[in-house]
């Protein structure tokens, strides 16, 4: 893939973000690239750089590569908006954890020198798509790169729901909710709810109960071509909600059905040539840290 036009996506709220964008913009222009700024970067920065400011749809139609400057939240939002346009995407990490944005600002220019020369790793990952169905009608439809979560809203009470896979009944459950996650999202809410880590290239998704009333309700890993239906119970309960990557949400009522499946279009991620998935896990989950204790009798 020859990269000629690059779109930059960022929430330009902090000096570190604008500084990183300026450095990257100047470098890419020196390399002869056309650089577009997403509208999220703001008019002020566009004017400072003399850069063309475009909406997300225009950016997707014109660029060969989208670069997200920020954290995983900004990256998730960008992936959902670009997934239908088959635009490769990479991330520069200015957030905290950064499982998805794997290039540091310090290494940014060196990485881009290799990427522009064609020395990089391409990786395809899938998204989920979910419909909220009420009385036979689709009232909402959204995509998610990490997870679709059905959960209690506002007060600390359990919800009751049924889970079906490919039309087969799996279980009825009382809990704080259910996480339906991609391999990408297995390091996010699913992990904090007790789910397993799934390698990013697996064709699988995982169902993770959130604080289930019955402790034998365990995470369940299934093939990604399955269709998962979650039906909200008809009994007396608190308000429930379904959220997508923790960024958008829809209130659901008793009797509503949330139908979740793999999205048809994959997203292509671009990584540096030295990308190592396990190294990222070691770094982010601090697997290599030595635990020291001050024993009273030492």
C-alpha atoms as a PDB file:
ATOM      1  CA  UNK A   1       0.000   0.000   0.000  1.00  0.00           C
ATOM      2  CA  UNK A   2       1.442   3.362  -1.066  1.00  0.00           C
ATOM      3  CA  UNK A   3       0.602   6.022   1.504  1.00  0.00           C
ATOM      4  CA  UNK A   4       0.133   9.464  -0.042  1.00  0.00           C
ATOM      5  CA  UNK A   5      -2.703  11.079   1.913  1.00  0.00           C
ATOM      6  CA  UNK A   6      -2.921  10.869   5.703  1.00  0.00           C
ATOM      7  CA  UNK A   7      -5.778  11.974   7.919  1.00  0.00           C
ATOM      8  CA  UNK A   8      -5.142  12.962  11.529  1.00  0.00           C
ATOM      9  CA  UNK A   9      -7.878  12.466  14.121  1.00  0.00           C
ATOM     10  CA  UNK A  10      -7.568  13.911  17.628  1.00  0.00           C
ATOM     11  CA  UNK A  11      -9.475  15.636  20.390  1.00  0.00           C
ATOM     12  CA  UNK A  12      -7.352  18.748  20.563  1.00  0.00           C
ATOM     13  CA  UNK A  13      -7.896  19.617  24.235  1.00  0.00           C
ATOM     14  CA  UNK A  14      -4.352  19.591  25.559  1.00  0.00           C
ATOM     15  CA  UNK A  15      -1.025  21.142  24.624  1.00  0.00           C
ATOM     16  CA  UNK A  16       0.549  17.696  24.318  1.00  0.00           C
ATOM     17  CA  UNK A  17      -1.967  16.785  21.630  1.00  0.00           C
ATOM     18  CA  UNK A  18      -1.501  19.935  19.540  1.00  0.00           C
ATOM     19  CA  UNK A  19       2.291  19.740  19.928  1.00  0.00           C
ATOM     20  CA  UNK A  20       2.337  16.138  18.729  1.00  0.00           C
ATOM     21  CA  UNK A  21       0.086  16.956  15.776  1.00  0.00           C
ATOM     22  CA  UNK A  22       2.297  19.892  14.753  1.00  0.00           C
ATOM     23  CA  UNK A  23       5.434  17.748  14.848  1.00  0.00           C
ATOM     24  CA  UNK A  24       3.782  14.964  12.874  1.00  0.00           C
ATOM     25  CA  UNK A  25       2.186  17.356  10.370  1.00  0.00           C
ATOM     26  CA  UNK A  26       5.507  19.084   9.603  1.00  0.00           C
ATOM     27  CA  UNK A  27       7.300  15.764   9.170  1.00  0.00           C
ATOM     28  CA  UNK A  28       4.662  14.294   6.858  1.00  0.00           C
ATOM     29  CA  UNK A  29       4.597  17.430   4.703  1.00  0.00           C
ATOM     30  CA  UNK A  30       8.384  17.209   4.386  1.00  0.00           C
ATOM     31  CA  UNK A  31       7.945  13.665   3.115  1.00  0.00           C
ATOM     32  CA  UNK A  32       5.599  14.886   0.401  1.00  0.00           C
ATOM     33  CA  UNK A  33       2.365  13.611   1.955  1.00  0.00           C
ATOM     34  CA  UNK A  34      -0.978  15.366   1.784  1.00  0.00           C
ATOM     35  CA  UNK A  35      -2.255  15.771   5.341  1.00  0.00           C
ATOM     36  CA  UNK A  36      -5.884  16.294   6.305  1.00  0.00           C
ATOM     37  CA  UNK A  37      -7.104  17.260   9.758  1.00  0.00           C
ATOM     38  CA  UNK A  38     -10.325  15.821  11.087  1.00  0.00           C
ATOM     39  CA  UNK A  39     -12.809  18.409  12.314  1.00  0.00           C
ATOM     40  CA  UNK A  40     -12.201  17.161  15.874  1.00  0.00           C
ATOM     41  CA  UNK A  41      -8.751  18.807  15.793  1.00  0.00           C
ATOM     42  CA  UNK A  42     -10.377  22.247  15.670  1.00  0.00           C
ATOM     43  CA  UNK A  43     -10.245  25.392  13.545  1.00  0.00           C
ATOM     44  CA  UNK A  44      -7.458  27.035  15.556  1.00  0.00           C
ATOM     45  CA  UNK A  45      -4.952  24.251  14.926  1.00  0.00           C
ATOM     46  CA  UNK A  46      -5.999  24.019  11.280  1.00  0.00           C
ATOM     47  CA  UNK A  47      -5.279  27.715  10.815  1.00  0.00           C
ATOM     48  CA  UNK A  48      -1.947  27.516  12.633  1.00  0.00           C
ATOM     49  CA  UNK A  49      -0.746  24.715  10.388  1.00  0.00           C
ATOM     50  CA  UNK A  50      -2.415  25.868   7.205  1.00  0.00           C
ATOM     51  CA  UNK A  51      -4.032  22.434   7.039  1.00  0.00           C
ATOM     52  CA  UNK A  52      -7.284  21.446   5.391  1.00  0.00           C
ATOM     53  CA  UNK A  53      -9.993  20.680   7.954  1.00  0.00           C
ATOM     54  CA  UNK A  54     -12.521  18.074   6.823  1.00  0.00           C
ATOM     55  CA  UNK A  55     -15.397  16.089   8.265  1.00  0.00           C
ATOM     56  CA  UNK A  56     -14.944  12.402   9.108  1.00  0.00           C
ATOM     57  CA  UNK A  57     -16.689  11.114   5.989  1.00  0.00           C
ATOM     58  CA  UNK A  58     -14.522  13.241   3.692  1.00  0.00           C
ATOM     59  CA  UNK A  59     -11.395  12.150   5.541  1.00  0.00           C
ATOM     60  CA  UNK A  60     -12.366   8.499   5.103  1.00  0.00           C
ATOM     61  CA  UNK A  61     -12.968   8.903   1.375  1.00  0.00           C
ATOM     62  CA  UNK A  62      -9.672  10.701   0.669  1.00  0.00           C
ATOM     63  CA  UNK A  63      -6.983   9.309   2.955  1.00  0.00           C
ATOM     64  CA  UNK A  64      -4.838   6.180   2.596  1.00  0.00           C
ATOM     65  CA  UNK A  65      -4.170   6.060   6.324  1.00  0.00           C
ATOM     66  CA  UNK A  66      -5.879   7.502   9.400  1.00  0.00           C
ATOM     67  CA  UNK A  67      -3.712   8.424  12.392  1.00  0.00           C
ATOM     68  CA  UNK A  68      -5.325   8.789  15.812  1.00  0.00           C
ATOM     69  CA  UNK A  69      -3.470  11.010  18.285  1.00  0.00           C
ATOM     70  CA  UNK A  70      -4.756  10.419  21.824  1.00  0.00           C
ATOM     71  CA  UNK A  71      -5.909   7.480  23.909  1.00  0.00           C
ATOM     72  CA  UNK A  72      -7.894   4.298  23.438  1.00  0.00           C
ATOM     73  CA  UNK A  73     -11.209   6.154  23.752  1.00  0.00           C
ATOM     74  CA  UNK A  74     -10.432   8.399  20.788  1.00  0.00           C
ATOM     75  CA  UNK A  75      -9.202   5.362  18.873  1.00  0.00           C
ATOM     76  CA  UNK A  76     -12.403   3.389  19.538  1.00  0.00           C
ATOM     77  CA  UNK A  77     -14.544   6.259  18.301  1.00  0.00           C
ATOM     78  CA  UNK A  78     -12.426   6.594  15.158  1.00  0.00           C
ATOM     79  CA  UNK A  79     -12.581   2.875  14.376  1.00  0.00           C
ATOM     80  CA  UNK A  80     -16.376   2.799  14.566  1.00  0.00           C
ATOM     81  CA  UNK A  81     -16.683   5.798  12.264  1.00  0.00           C
ATOM     82  CA  UNK A  82     -14.176   4.446   9.708  1.00  0.00           C
ATOM     83  CA  UNK A  83     -15.056   0.748   9.694  1.00  0.00           C
ATOM     84  CA  UNK A  84     -17.386   0.980   6.697  1.00  0.00           C
ATOM     85  CA  UNK A  85     -14.741   2.724   4.568  1.00  0.00           C
ATOM     86  CA  UNK A  86     -11.874   0.198   4.871  1.00  0.00           C
ATOM     87  CA  UNK A  87      -9.388   2.883   5.938  1.00  0.00           C
ATOM     88  CA  UNK A  88      -6.242   1.537   7.675  1.00  0.00           C
ATOM     89  CA  UNK A  89      -5.699   3.140  11.062  1.00  0.00           C
ATOM     90  CA  UNK A  90      -2.891   3.501  13.600  1.00  0.00           C
ATOM     91  CA  UNK A  91      -2.599   5.199  16.955  1.00  0.00           C
ATOM     92  CA  UNK A  92      -0.144   7.481  18.736  1.00  0.00           C
ATOM     93  CA  UNK A  93      -0.536   7.121  22.469  1.00  0.00           C
ATOM     94  CA  UNK A  94      -1.165  10.241  24.523  1.00  0.00           C
ATOM     95  CA  UNK A  95      -3.529   8.494  26.903  1.00  0.00           C
ATOM     96  CA  UNK A  96      -2.878   6.343  29.945  1.00  0.00           C
ATOM     97  CA  UNK A  97      -3.147   2.629  29.219  1.00  0.00           C
ATOM     98  CA  UNK A  98      -3.015   2.441  25.449  1.00  0.00           C
ATOM     99  CA  UNK A  99      -3.683  -1.153  24.355  1.00  0.00           C
ATOM    100  CA  UNK A 100      -4.774   0.114  20.936  1.00  0.00           C
ATOM    101  CA  UNK A 101      -2.594   3.178  20.435  1.00  0.00           C
ATOM    102  CA  UNK A 102       0.813   1.534  20.385  1.00  0.00           C
ATOM    103  CA  UNK A 103       3.207   4.226  19.108  1.00  0.00           C
ATOM    104  CA  UNK A 104       4.739   6.633  21.619  1.00  0.00           C
ATOM    105  CA  UNK A 105       5.332  10.292  20.636  1.00  0.00           C
ATOM    106  CA  UNK A 106       9.060   9.774  21.251  1.00  0.00           C
ATOM    107  CA  UNK A 107       9.216   7.008  18.631  1.00  0.00           C
ATOM    108  CA  UNK A 108       6.674   8.557  16.284  1.00  0.00           C
ATOM    109  CA  UNK A 109       8.928   9.960  13.560  1.00  0.00           C
ATOM    110  CA  UNK A 110      11.159   6.885  13.423  1.00  0.00           C
ATOM    111  CA  UNK A 111       8.074   4.686  13.096  1.00  0.00           C
ATOM    112  CA  UNK A 112       6.634   6.822  10.325  1.00  0.00           C
ATOM    113  CA  UNK A 113       9.886   6.711   8.380  1.00  0.00           C
ATOM    114  CA  UNK A 114       9.503   2.921   8.270  1.00  0.00           C
ATOM    115  CA  UNK A 115       5.762   3.024   7.620  1.00  0.00           C
ATOM    116  CA  UNK A 116       6.089   5.410   4.673  1.00  0.00           C
ATOM    117  CA  UNK A 117       8.765   3.091   3.279  1.00  0.00           C
ATOM    118  CA  UNK A 118       6.322   0.198   3.453  1.00  0.00           C
ATOM    119  CA  UNK A 119       7.888  -1.447   6.500  1.00  0.00           C
ATOM    120  CA  UNK A 120       4.982  -2.159   8.832  1.00  0.00           C
ATOM    121  CA  UNK A 121       2.598  -4.849  10.060  1.00  0.00           C
ATOM    122  CA  UNK A 122      -1.020  -5.035   8.881  1.00  0.00           C
ATOM    123  CA  UNK A 123      -3.569  -6.664  11.146  1.00  0.00           C
ATOM    124  CA  UNK A 124      -7.272  -7.195  10.537  1.00  0.00           C
ATOM    125  CA  UNK A 125      -9.683  -7.221  13.456  1.00  0.00           C
ATOM    126  CA  UNK A 126     -13.434  -7.467  13.554  1.00  0.00           C
ATOM    127  CA  UNK A 127     -16.142  -5.365  15.166  1.00  0.00           C
ATOM    128  CA  UNK A 128     -19.543  -6.233  16.560  1.00  0.00           C
ATOM    129  CA  UNK A 129     -22.825  -4.821  15.403  1.00  0.00           C
ATOM    130  CA  UNK A 130     -25.910  -4.829  17.608  1.00  0.00           C
ATOM    131  CA  UNK A 131     -29.586  -4.093  17.135  1.00  0.00           C
ATOM    132  CA  UNK A 132     -32.020  -3.185  19.880  1.00  0.00           C
ATOM    133  CA  UNK A 133     -35.390  -4.689  18.918  1.00  0.00           C
ATOM    134  CA  UNK A 134     -38.639  -3.631  20.596  1.00  0.00           C
ATOM    135  CA  UNK A 135     -42.041  -5.062  19.607  1.00  0.00           C
ATOM    136  CA  UNK A 136     -40.534  -6.416  16.395  1.00  0.00           C
ATOM    137  CA  UNK A 137     -38.979  -3.082  15.358  1.00  0.00           C
ATOM    138  CA  UNK A 138     -35.305  -2.083  15.354  1.00  0.00           C
ATOM    139  CA  UNK A 139     -35.119   1.045  17.511  1.00  0.00           C
ATOM    140  CA  UNK A 140     -31.325   1.381  17.545  1.00  0.00           C
ATOM    141  CA  UNK A 141     -28.305  -0.091  15.773  1.00  0.00           C
ATOM    142  CA  UNK A 142     -24.655   0.499  16.621  1.00  0.00           C
ATOM    143  CA  UNK A 143     -21.169  -0.923  16.140  1.00  0.00           C
ATOM    144  CA  UNK A 144     -18.558  -1.725  18.770  1.00  0.00           C
ATOM    145  CA  UNK A 145     -14.846  -2.493  18.504  1.00  0.00           C
ATOM    146  CA  UNK A 146     -14.403  -3.551  22.132  1.00  0.00           C
ATOM    147  CA  UNK A 147     -17.747  -4.655  23.488  1.00  0.00           C
ATOM    148  CA  UNK A 148     -21.502  -4.467  23.707  1.00  0.00           C
ATOM    149  CA  UNK A 149     -22.573  -4.324  27.360  1.00  0.00           C
ATOM    150  CA  UNK A 150     -26.042  -4.850  28.784  1.00  0.00           C
ATOM    151  CA  UNK A 151     -26.031  -3.468  32.298  1.00  0.00           C
ATOM    152  CA  UNK A 152     -28.009  -1.988  35.144  1.00  0.00           C
ATOM    153  CA  UNK A 153     -28.447   1.757  35.141  1.00  0.00           C
ATOM    154  CA  UNK A 154     -28.369   4.249  38.013  1.00  0.00           C
ATOM    155  CA  UNK A 155     -29.094   2.050  41.056  1.00  0.00           C
ATOM    156  CA  UNK A 156     -27.432  -1.005  42.581  1.00  0.00           C
ATOM    157  CA  UNK A 157     -29.996  -3.651  41.659  1.00  0.00           C
ATOM    158  CA  UNK A 158     -29.639  -6.696  39.449  1.00  0.00           C
ATOM    159  CA  UNK A 159     -31.330  -7.172  36.108  1.00  0.00           C
ATOM    160  CA  UNK A 160     -32.766 -10.414  34.808  1.00  0.00           C
ATOM    161  CA  UNK A 161     -32.243 -11.522  31.242  1.00  0.00           C
ATOM    162  CA  UNK A 162     -32.057 -14.533  28.960  1.00  0.00           C
ATOM    163  CA  UNK A 163     -29.156 -15.315  26.660  1.00  0.00           C
ATOM    164  CA  UNK A 164     -29.608 -17.179  23.373  1.00  0.00           C
ATOM    165  CA  UNK A 165     -26.935 -18.237  20.854  1.00  0.00           C
ATOM    166  CA  UNK A 166     -28.011 -19.001  17.284  1.00  0.00           C
ATOM    167  CA  UNK A 167     -31.580 -19.376  18.513  1.00  0.00           C
ATOM    168  CA  UNK A 168     -30.638 -21.891  21.207  1.00  0.00           C
ATOM    169  CA  UNK A 169     -31.375 -21.056  24.827  1.00  0.00           C
ATOM    170  CA  UNK A 170     -28.208 -20.775  26.952  1.00  0.00           C
ATOM    171  CA  UNK A 171     -29.307 -19.484  30.369  1.00  0.00           C
ATOM    172  CA  UNK A 172     -31.463 -17.126  32.352  1.00  0.00           C
ATOM    173  CA  UNK A 173     -29.365 -14.933  34.583  1.00  0.00           C
ATOM    174  CA  UNK A 174     -29.656 -12.374  37.346  1.00  0.00           C
ATOM    175  CA  UNK A 175     -26.619 -10.117  37.509  1.00  0.00           C
ATOM    176  CA  UNK A 176     -25.395  -6.570  37.057  1.00  0.00           C
ATOM    177  CA  UNK A 177     -25.209  -7.261  33.332  1.00  0.00           C
ATOM    178  CA  UNK A 178     -23.368  -9.032  30.531  1.00  0.00           C
ATOM    179  CA  UNK A 179     -20.310  -8.068  28.458  1.00  0.00           C
ATOM    180  CA  UNK A 180     -20.187  -9.399  24.898  1.00  0.00           C
ATOM    181  CA  UNK A 181     -16.640  -8.723  23.760  1.00  0.00           C
ATOM    182  CA  UNK A 182     -14.385  -9.062  20.738  1.00  0.00           C
ATOM    183  CA  UNK A 183     -10.796 -10.285  21.213  1.00  0.00           C
ATOM    184  CA  UNK A 184      -9.774  -6.629  21.082  1.00  0.00           C
ATOM    185  CA  UNK A 185     -12.124  -5.832  23.958  1.00  0.00           C
ATOM    186  CA  UNK A 186     -10.954  -8.778  26.060  1.00  0.00           C
ATOM    187  CA  UNK A 187      -8.383  -6.444  27.672  1.00  0.00           C
ATOM    188  CA  UNK A 188     -11.084  -3.917  28.610  1.00  0.00           C
ATOM    189  CA  UNK A 189     -14.347  -4.263  30.588  1.00  0.00           C
ATOM    190  CA  UNK A 190     -14.432  -8.018  29.968  1.00  0.00           C
ATOM    191  CA  UNK A 191     -11.069  -8.433  31.701  1.00  0.00           C
ATOM    192  CA  UNK A 192     -12.090  -6.375  34.729  1.00  0.00           C
ATOM    193  CA  UNK A 193     -15.245  -8.511  34.992  1.00  0.00           C
ATOM    194  CA  UNK A 194     -13.188 -11.699  35.208  1.00  0.00           C
ATOM    195  CA  UNK A 195     -13.049 -12.672  31.547  1.00  0.00           C
ATOM    196  CA  UNK A 196     -10.129 -14.343  29.750  1.00  0.00           C
ATOM    197  CA  UNK A 197      -7.600 -12.661  27.490  1.00  0.00           C
ATOM    198  CA  UNK A 198      -8.248 -13.557  23.846  1.00  0.00           C
ATOM    199  CA  UNK A 199      -5.482 -13.146  21.293  1.00  0.00           C
ATOM    200  CA  UNK A 200      -6.369 -10.284  18.957  1.00  0.00           C
ATOM    201  CA  UNK A 201      -6.405 -12.511  15.840  1.00  0.00           C
ATOM    202  CA  UNK A 202      -8.902 -15.095  17.157  1.00  0.00           C
ATOM    203  CA  UNK A 203     -12.248 -15.506  15.383  1.00  0.00           C
ATOM    204  CA  UNK A 204     -14.059 -15.592  18.704  1.00  0.00           C
ATOM    205  CA  UNK A 205     -16.061 -13.511  21.113  1.00  0.00           C
ATOM    206  CA  UNK A 206     -16.556 -13.890  24.828  1.00  0.00           C
ATOM    207  CA  UNK A 207     -19.644 -13.505  27.025  1.00  0.00           C
ATOM    208  CA  UNK A 208     -18.729 -12.334  30.524  1.00  0.00           C
ATOM    209  CA  UNK A 209     -21.361 -11.977  33.289  1.00  0.00           C
ATOM    210  CA  UNK A 210     -20.986  -8.899  35.505  1.00  0.00           C
ATOM    211  CA  UNK A 211     -21.307  -9.854  39.180  1.00  0.00           C
ATOM    212  CA  UNK A 212     -23.700 -12.784  38.583  1.00  0.00           C
ATOM    213  CA  UNK A 213     -26.034 -13.861  41.391  1.00  0.00           C
ATOM    214  CA  UNK A 214     -25.070 -17.493  40.731  1.00  0.00           C
ATOM    215  CA  UNK A 215     -21.307 -17.903  40.933  1.00  0.00           C
ATOM    216  CA  UNK A 216     -21.362 -20.841  38.508  1.00  0.00           C
ATOM    217  CA  UNK A 217     -22.189 -18.377  35.699  1.00  0.00           C
ATOM    218  CA  UNK A 218     -18.767 -18.205  34.081  1.00  0.00           C
ATOM    219  CA  UNK A 219     -17.344 -16.509  30.960  1.00  0.00           C
ATOM    220  CA  UNK A 220     -18.183 -18.326  27.731  1.00  0.00           C
ATOM    221  CA  UNK A 221     -16.032 -18.180  24.587  1.00  0.00           C
ATOM    222  CA  UNK A 222     -17.806 -18.815  21.275  1.00  0.00           C
ATOM    223  CA  UNK A 223     -17.003 -18.575  17.578  1.00  0.00           C
ATOM    224  CA  UNK A 224     -17.364 -15.117  16.074  1.00  0.00           C
ATOM    225  CA  UNK A 225     -19.910 -16.270  13.473  1.00  0.00           C
ATOM    226  CA  UNK A 226     -22.498 -16.898  16.205  1.00  0.00           C
ATOM    227  CA  UNK A 227     -25.448 -14.582  16.836  1.00  0.00           C
ATOM    228  CA  UNK A 228     -26.034 -13.666  20.481  1.00  0.00           C
ATOM    229  CA  UNK A 229     -29.472 -12.501  21.627  1.00  0.00           C
ATOM    230  CA  UNK A 230     -30.009 -10.995  25.060  1.00  0.00           C
ATOM    231  CA  UNK A 231     -33.670 -10.647  26.092  1.00  0.00           C
ATOM    232  CA  UNK A 232     -34.475  -8.362  29.017  1.00  0.00           C
ATOM    233  CA  UNK A 233     -36.679 -10.072  31.616  1.00  0.00           C
ATOM    234  CA  UNK A 234     -40.292  -9.054  32.099  1.00  0.00           C
ATOM    235  CA  UNK A 235     -40.104  -9.020  35.895  1.00  0.00           C
ATOM    236  CA  UNK A 236     -39.931  -5.970  38.160  1.00  0.00           C
ATOM    237  CA  UNK A 237     -36.463  -4.466  37.919  1.00  0.00           C
ATOM    238  CA  UNK A 238     -34.445  -1.318  37.566  1.00  0.00           C
ATOM    239  CA  UNK A 239     -33.778   0.457  34.296  1.00  0.00           C
ATOM    240  CA  UNK A 240     -31.248  -1.305  32.063  1.00  0.00           C
ATOM    241  CA  UNK A 241     -29.084   0.051  29.292  1.00  0.00           C
ATOM    242  CA  UNK A 242     -27.009  -1.311  26.430  1.00  0.00           C
ATOM    243  CA  UNK A 243     -23.752   0.517  25.689  1.00  0.00           C
ATOM    244  CA  UNK A 244     -21.295   0.305  22.809  1.00  0.00           C
ATOM    245  CA  UNK A 245     -17.588   0.625  23.680  1.00  0.00           C
ATOM    246  CA  UNK A 246     -18.758   2.541  26.753  1.00  0.00           C
ATOM    247  CA  UNK A 247     -19.293   5.625  24.569  1.00  0.00           C
ATOM    248  CA  UNK A 248     -22.890   5.496  23.331  1.00  0.00           C
ATOM    249  CA  UNK A 249     -25.899   3.931  24.987  1.00  0.00           C
ATOM    250  CA  UNK A 250     -29.584   3.081  24.617  1.00  0.00           C
ATOM    251  CA  UNK A 251     -32.072   2.509  27.439  1.00  0.00           C
ATOM    252  CA  UNK A 252     -33.832  -0.858  27.196  1.00  0.00           C
ATOM    253  CA  UNK A 253     -37.127  -2.100  28.646  1.00  0.00           C
ATOM    254  CA  UNK A 254     -38.460  -5.488  29.733  1.00  0.00           C
ATOM    255  CA  UNK A 255     -39.065  -7.587  26.638  1.00  0.00           C
ATOM    256  CA  UNK A 256     -36.481  -5.794  24.495  1.00  0.00           C
ATOM    257  CA  UNK A 257     -34.044  -7.993  22.582  1.00  0.00           C
ATOM    258  CA  UNK A 258     -30.437  -7.050  21.871  1.00  0.00           C
ATOM    259  CA  UNK A 259     -29.127  -8.998  18.881  1.00  0.00           C
ATOM    260  CA  UNK A 260     -25.325  -9.029  18.572  1.00  0.00           C
ATOM    261  CA  UNK A 261     -23.220 -10.411  15.750  1.00  0.00           C
ATOM    262  CA  UNK A 262     -19.919  -9.942  13.966  1.00  0.00           C
ATOM    263  CA  UNK A 263     -19.878  -6.950  11.646  1.00  0.00           C
ATOM    264  CA  UNK A 264     -19.341  -7.727   7.953  1.00  0.00           C
ATOM    265  CA  UNK A 265     -16.473  -5.256   7.483  1.00  0.00           C
ATOM    266  CA  UNK A 266     -13.186  -5.721   9.313  1.00  0.00           C
ATOM    267  CA  UNK A 267     -10.903  -2.856  10.309  1.00  0.00           C
ATOM    268  CA  UNK A 268      -7.240  -2.842   9.298  1.00  0.00           C
ATOM    269  CA  UNK A 269      -4.750  -1.739  11.950  1.00  0.00           C
ATOM    270  CA  UNK A 270      -1.232  -0.622  11.084  1.00  0.00           C
ATOM    271  CA  UNK A 271       1.569  -1.394  13.546  1.00  0.00           C
ATOM    272  CA  UNK A 272       5.325  -0.705  13.561  1.00  0.00           C
ATOM    273  CA  UNK A 273       7.379  -3.544  12.085  1.00  0.00           C
ATOM    274  CA  UNK A 274       8.594  -4.529  15.568  1.00  0.00           C
ATOM    275  CA  UNK A 275       5.030  -4.866  16.903  1.00  0.00           C
ATOM    276  CA  UNK A 276       4.788  -7.546  19.593  1.00  0.00           C
ATOM    277  CA  UNK A 277       1.339  -8.288  21.049  1.00  0.00           C
ATOM    278  CA  UNK A 278       2.769 -10.099  24.050  1.00  0.00           C
ATOM    279  CA  UNK A 279       5.170  -7.278  24.821  1.00  0.00           C
ATOM    280  CA  UNK A 280       2.186  -4.929  24.974  1.00  0.00           C
ATOM    281  CA  UNK A 281       0.444  -7.267  27.409  1.00  0.00           C
ATOM    282  CA  UNK A 282       3.577  -7.481  29.543  1.00  0.00           C
ATOM    283  CA  UNK A 283       3.953  -3.705  29.614  1.00  0.00           C
ATOM    284  CA  UNK A 284       0.302  -2.755  30.119  1.00  0.00           C
ATOM    285  CA  UNK A 285      -0.529  -5.496  32.617  1.00  0.00           C
ATOM    286  CA  UNK A 286       2.837  -5.169  34.377  1.00  0.00           C
ATOM    287  CA  UNK A 287       3.586  -8.882  34.183  1.00  0.00           C
ATOM    288  CA  UNK A 288       7.327  -8.307  34.564  1.00  0.00           C
ATOM    289  CA  UNK A 289       7.186  -6.234  37.729  1.00  0.00           C
ATOM    290  CA  UNK A 290       8.911  -7.709  40.752  1.00  0.00           C
ATOM    291  CA  UNK A 291       6.772  -7.695  43.881  1.00  0.00           C
ATOM    292  CA  UNK A 292       8.649  -6.610  46.991  1.00  0.00           C
ATOM    293  CA  UNK A 293       7.310  -6.709  50.515  1.00  0.00           C
ATOM    294  CA  UNK A 294       8.586  -5.357  53.764  1.00  0.00           C
ATOM    295  CA  UNK A 295       8.352  -8.337  56.083  1.00  0.00           C
ATOM    296  CA  UNK A 296       8.126  -7.450  59.801  1.00  0.00           C
ATOM    297  CA  UNK A 297      10.794 -10.012  60.604  1.00  0.00           C
ATOM    298  CA  UNK A 298      13.189  -8.996  57.822  1.00  0.00           C
END
